[in-house]
Amino acid sequence: MMQMVDNGEHPGPRILHQSWKTHELPAHFEKWSKAWRKYHGDDWL
Protein backbone atom coordinates (compact mmCIF):
# COMPACT_ATOMS: atom_id res chain seq x y z
CA MET A 1 0.00 0.00 0.00
CA MET A 2 2.82 2.43 0.79
CA GLN A 3 4.26 1.87 -2.70
CA MET A 4 0.89 2.90 -4.17
CA VAL A 5 0.95 6.10 -2.13
CA ASP A 6 4.56 6.78 -3.13
CA ASN A 7 3.52 6.41 -6.80
CA GLY A 8 0.69 8.90 -6.36
CA GLU A 9 -1.98 6.19 -6.43
CA HIS A 10 -4.73 5.96 -3.84
CA PRO A 11 -5.70 2.54 -2.44
CA GLY A 12 -9.16 3.71 -1.42
CA PRO A 13 -11.36 6.74 -0.88
CA ARG A 14 -9.79 9.71 0.84
CA ILE A 15 -11.91 10.56 3.83
CA LEU A 16 -11.19 13.24 6.42
CA HIS A 17 -13.21 12.77 9.58
CA GLN A 18 -14.13 15.94 11.43
CA SER A 19 -16.42 15.93 14.42
CA TRP A 20 -17.99 18.46 16.73
CA LYS A 21 -20.56 18.24 19.49
CA THR A 22 -23.24 19.63 17.16
CA HIS A 23 -24.08 19.12 13.47
CA GLU A 24 -22.87 22.61 12.55
CA LEU A 25 -19.29 23.63 11.88
CA PRO A 26 -18.24 26.27 14.44
CA ALA A 27 -17.64 29.62 12.74
CA HIS A 28 -14.02 29.86 13.91
CA PHE A 29 -13.22 26.55 12.11
CA GLU A 30 -14.77 27.58 8.77
CA LYS A 31 -11.57 29.26 7.53
CA TRP A 32 -9.47 26.22 8.48
CA SER A 33 -11.87 23.83 6.78
CA LYS A 34 -11.97 25.82 3.53
CA ALA A 35 -8.17 26.17 3.45
CA TRP A 36 -7.73 22.42 3.98
CA ARG A 37 -10.09 21.60 1.09
CA LYS A 38 -8.36 24.16 -1.17
CA TYR A 39 -4.90 22.73 -0.42
CA HIS A 40 -5.83 19.03 -0.65
CA GLY A 41 -8.39 19.15 -3.47
CA ASP A 42 -11.93 18.02 -4.04
CA ASP A 43 -11.17 14.29 -4.17
CA TRP A 44 -11.56 14.08 -0.39
CA LEU A 45 -14.83 13.34 1.34
PDB file of N, CA and C in Angstrom:
ATOM      1  N   MET A   1       0.825  -1.189   0.000  1.00  0.00           N
ATOM      2  CA  MET A   1       0.000   0.000   0.000  1.00  0.00           C
ATOM      3  C   MET A   1       0.872   1.257   0.000  1.00  0.00           C
ATOM      4  N   MET A   2       1.958   1.246   0.746  1.00  0.00           N
ATOM      5  CA  MET A   2       2.819   2.432   0.788  1.00  0.00           C
ATOM      6  C   MET A   2       3.434   2.703  -0.578  1.00  0.00           C
ATOM      7  N   GLN A   3       3.718   1.669  -1.358  1.00  0.00           N
ATOM      8  CA  GLN A   3       4.263   1.874  -2.701  1.00  0.00           C
ATOM      9  C   GLN A   3       3.226   2.577  -3.578  1.00  0.00           C
ATOM     10  N   MET A   4       1.951   2.228  -3.424  1.00  0.00           N
ATOM     11  CA  MET A   4       0.886   2.901  -4.174  1.00  0.00           C
ATOM     12  C   MET A   4       0.864   4.384  -3.830  1.00  0.00           C
ATOM     13  N   VAL A   5       0.950   4.701  -2.569  1.00  0.00           N
ATOM     14  CA  VAL A   5       0.946   6.097  -2.126  1.00  0.00           C
ATOM     15  C   VAL A   5       2.169   6.824  -2.664  1.00  0.00           C
ATOM     16  N   ASP A   6       3.332   6.177  -2.605  1.00  0.00           N
ATOM     17  CA  ASP A   6       4.559   6.778  -3.130  1.00  0.00           C
ATOM     18  C   ASP A   6       4.463   7.059  -4.631  1.00  0.00           C
ATOM     19  N   ASN A   7       3.709   6.237  -5.353  1.00  0.00           N
ATOM     20  CA  ASN A   7       3.523   6.410  -6.797  1.00  0.00           C
ATOM     21  C   ASN A   7       2.400   7.377  -7.138  1.00  0.00           C
ATOM     22  N   GLY A   8       1.775   7.969  -6.127  1.00  0.00           N
ATOM     23  CA  GLY A   8       0.691   8.901  -6.364  1.00  0.00           C
ATOM     24  C   GLY A   8      -0.660   8.231  -6.548  1.00  0.00           C
ATOM     25  N   GLU A   9      -0.727   6.927  -6.318  1.00  0.00           N
ATOM     26  CA  GLU A   9      -1.976   6.189  -6.427  1.00  0.00           C
ATOM     27  C   GLU A   9      -2.666   6.172  -5.066  1.00  0.00           C
ATOM     28  N   HIS A  10      -3.967   5.963  -5.088  1.00  0.00           N
ATOM     29  CA  HIS A  10      -4.729   5.964  -3.840  1.00  0.00           C
ATOM     30  C   HIS A  10      -5.438   4.619  -3.676  1.00  0.00           C
ATOM     31  N   PRO A  11      -5.136   3.881  -2.622  1.00  0.00           N
ATOM     32  CA  PRO A  11      -5.702   2.543  -2.445  1.00  0.00           C
ATOM     33  C   PRO A  11      -7.181   2.535  -2.071  1.00  0.00           C
ATOM     34  N   GLY A  12      -7.751   3.657  -1.796  1.00  0.00           N
ATOM     35  CA  GLY A  12      -9.160   3.710  -1.416  1.00  0.00           C
ATOM     36  C   GLY A  12      -9.623   5.144  -1.368  1.00  0.00           C
ATOM     37  N   PRO A  13     -10.862   5.359  -0.940  1.00  0.00           N
ATOM     38  CA  PRO A  13     -11.359   6.737  -0.876  1.00  0.00           C
ATOM     39  C   PRO A  13     -10.605   7.537   0.181  1.00  0.00           C
ATOM     40  N   ARG A  14     -10.440   8.813  -0.109  1.00  0.00           N
ATOM     41  CA  ARG A  14      -9.790   9.714   0.837  1.00  0.00           C
ATOM     42  C   ARG A  14     -10.892  10.350   1.669  1.00  0.00           C
ATOM     43  N   ILE A  15     -10.866  10.069   2.944  1.00  0.00           N
ATOM     44  CA  ILE A  15     -11.908  10.564   3.833  1.00  0.00           C
ATOM     45  C   ILE A  15     -11.250  11.261   5.017  1.00  0.00           C
ATOM     46  N   LEU A  16     -11.639  12.500   5.244  1.00  0.00           N
ATOM     47  CA  LEU A  16     -11.187  13.237   6.421  1.00  0.00           C
ATOM     48  C   LEU A  16     -12.360  13.283   7.395  1.00  0.00           C
ATOM     49  N   HIS A  17     -12.150  12.772   8.579  1.00  0.00           N
ATOM     50  CA  HIS A  17     -13.210  12.774   9.582  1.00  0.00           C
ATOM     51  C   HIS A  17     -13.049  14.006  10.468  1.00  0.00           C
ATOM     52  N   GLN A  18     -14.096  14.783  10.545  1.00  0.00           N
ATOM     53  CA  GLN A  18     -14.134  15.943  11.433  1.00  0.00           C
ATOM     54  C   GLN A  18     -15.368  15.778  12.306  1.00  0.00           C
ATOM     55  N   SER A  19     -15.245  16.066  13.558  1.00  0.00           N
ATOM     56  CA  SER A  19     -16.419  15.928  14.421  1.00  0.00           C
ATOM     57  C   SER A  19     -16.488  17.074  15.433  1.00  0.00           C
ATOM     58  N   TRP A  20     -17.699  17.443  15.733  1.00  0.00           N
ATOM     59  CA  TRP A  20     -17.993  18.456  16.735  1.00  0.00           C
ATOM     60  C   TRP A  20     -19.155  17.965  17.566  1.00  0.00           C
ATOM     61  N   LYS A  21     -19.467  18.655  18.621  1.00  0.00           N
ATOM     62  CA  LYS A  21     -20.564  18.243  19.495  1.00  0.00           C
ATOM     63  C   LYS A  21     -21.927  18.492  18.867  1.00  0.00           C
ATOM     64  N   THR A  22     -21.979  19.340  17.844  1.00  0.00           N
ATOM     65  CA  THR A  22     -23.238  19.627  17.161  1.00  0.00           C
ATOM     66  C   THR A  22     -23.079  19.273  15.683  1.00  0.00           C
ATOM     67  N   HIS A  23     -24.135  19.415  14.902  1.00  0.00           N
ATOM     68  CA  HIS A  23     -24.079  19.121  13.469  1.00  0.00           C
ATOM     69  C   HIS A  23     -23.575  20.297  12.643  1.00  0.00           C
ATOM     70  N   GLU A  24     -23.323  21.420  13.265  1.00  0.00           N
ATOM     71  CA  GLU A  24     -22.870  22.607  12.547  1.00  0.00           C
ATOM     72  C   GLU A  24     -21.399  22.877  12.824  1.00  0.00           C
ATOM     73  N   LEU A  25     -20.706  23.280  11.762  1.00  0.00           N
ATOM     74  CA  LEU A  25     -19.293  23.630  11.883  1.00  0.00           C
ATOM     75  C   LEU A  25     -19.178  24.957  12.632  1.00  0.00           C
ATOM     76  N   PRO A  26     -18.424  25.004  13.732  1.00  0.00           N
ATOM     77  CA  PRO A  26     -18.244  26.267  14.440  1.00  0.00           C
ATOM     78  C   PRO A  26     -17.618  27.323  13.522  1.00  0.00           C
ATOM     79  N   ALA A  27     -18.073  28.534  13.627  1.00  0.00           N
ATOM     80  CA  ALA A  27     -17.640  29.623  12.739  1.00  0.00           C
ATOM     81  C   ALA A  27     -16.120  29.790  12.721  1.00  0.00           C
ATOM     82  N   HIS A  28     -15.470  29.637  13.871  1.00  0.00           N
ATOM     83  CA  HIS A  28     -14.022  29.857  13.905  1.00  0.00           C
ATOM     84  C   HIS A  28     -13.234  28.732  13.225  1.00  0.00           C
ATOM     85  N   PHE A  29     -13.880  27.615  12.856  1.00  0.00           N
ATOM     86  CA  PHE A  29     -13.216  26.549  12.106  1.00  0.00           C
ATOM     87  C   PHE A  29     -13.503  26.618  10.605  1.00  0.00           C
ATOM     88  N   GLU A  30     -14.397  27.478  10.177  1.00  0.00           N
ATOM     89  CA  GLU A  30     -14.769  27.578   8.769  1.00  0.00           C
ATOM     90  C   GLU A  30     -13.558  27.912   7.888  1.00  0.00           C
ATOM     91  N   LYS A  31     -12.750  28.867   8.306  1.00  0.00           N
ATOM     92  CA  LYS A  31     -11.570  29.263   7.533  1.00  0.00           C
ATOM     93  C   LYS A  31     -10.594  28.089   7.413  1.00  0.00           C
ATOM     94  N   TRP A  32     -10.358  27.380   8.487  1.00  0.00           N
ATOM     95  CA  TRP A  32      -9.470  26.225   8.482  1.00  0.00           C
ATOM     96  C   TRP A  32      -9.995  25.146   7.542  1.00  0.00           C
ATOM     97  N   SER A  33     -11.270  24.863   7.597  1.00  0.00           N
ATOM     98  CA  SER A  33     -11.867  23.826   6.777  1.00  0.00           C
ATOM     99  C   SER A  33     -11.775  24.164   5.286  1.00  0.00           C
ATOM    100  N   LYS A  34     -12.056  25.388   4.926  1.00  0.00           N
ATOM    101  CA  LYS A  34     -11.973  25.815   3.527  1.00  0.00           C
ATOM    102  C   LYS A  34     -10.530  25.765   3.022  1.00  0.00           C
ATOM    103  N   ALA A  35      -9.584  26.191   3.845  1.00  0.00           N
ATOM    104  CA  ALA A  35      -8.171  26.174   3.455  1.00  0.00           C
ATOM    105  C   ALA A  35      -7.692  24.735   3.246  1.00  0.00           C
ATOM    106  N   TRP A  36      -8.121  23.824   4.102  1.00  0.00           N
ATOM    107  CA  TRP A  36      -7.725  22.424   3.981  1.00  0.00           C
ATOM    108  C   TRP A  36      -8.236  21.853   2.662  1.00  0.00           C
ATOM    109  N   ARG A  37      -9.511  22.108   2.343  1.00  0.00           N
ATOM    110  CA  ARG A  37     -10.089  21.604   1.093  1.00  0.00           C
ATOM    111  C   ARG A  37      -9.393  22.217  -0.120  1.00  0.00           C
ATOM    112  N   LYS A  38      -9.035  23.493  -0.056  1.00  0.00           N
ATOM    113  CA  LYS A  38      -8.356  24.159  -1.171  1.00  0.00           C
ATOM    114  C   LYS A  38      -6.974  23.543  -1.385  1.00  0.00           C
ATOM    115  N   TYR A  39      -6.255  23.285  -0.327  1.00  0.00           N
ATOM    116  CA  TYR A  39      -4.905  22.735  -0.419  1.00  0.00           C
ATOM    117  C   TYR A  39      -4.900  21.277  -0.888  1.00  0.00           C
ATOM    118  N   HIS A  40      -5.832  20.465  -0.371  1.00  0.00           N
ATOM    119  CA  HIS A  40      -5.826  19.032  -0.647  1.00  0.00           C
ATOM    120  C   HIS A  40      -6.712  18.617  -1.812  1.00  0.00           C
ATOM    121  N   GLY A  41      -7.581  19.479  -2.300  1.00  0.00           N
ATOM    122  CA  GLY A  41      -8.390  19.146  -3.469  1.00  0.00           C
ATOM    123  C   GLY A  41      -9.754  18.586  -3.134  1.00  0.00           C
ATOM    124  N   ASP A  42     -10.540  18.446  -4.192  1.00  0.00           N
ATOM    125  CA  ASP A  42     -11.928  18.017  -4.039  1.00  0.00           C
ATOM    126  C   ASP A  42     -12.107  16.506  -4.056  1.00  0.00           C
ATOM    127  N   ASP A  43     -11.013  15.740  -4.144  1.00  0.00           N
ATOM    128  CA  ASP A  43     -11.170  14.290  -4.175  1.00  0.00           C
ATOM    129  C   ASP A  43     -11.279  13.684  -2.774  1.00  0.00           C
ATOM    130  N   TRP A  44     -11.351  14.533  -1.772  1.00  0.00           N
ATOM    131  CA  TRP A  44     -11.556  14.077  -0.392  1.00  0.00           C
ATOM    132  C   TRP A  44     -13.020  14.208  -0.017  1.00  0.00           C
ATOM    133  N   LEU A  45     -13.483  13.276   0.789  1.00  0.00           N
ATOM    134  CA  LEU A  45     -14.832  13.337   1.339  1.00  0.00           C
ATOM    135  C   LEU A  45     -14.769  13.825   2.762  1.00  0.00           C
TER     136      LEU A  45
END
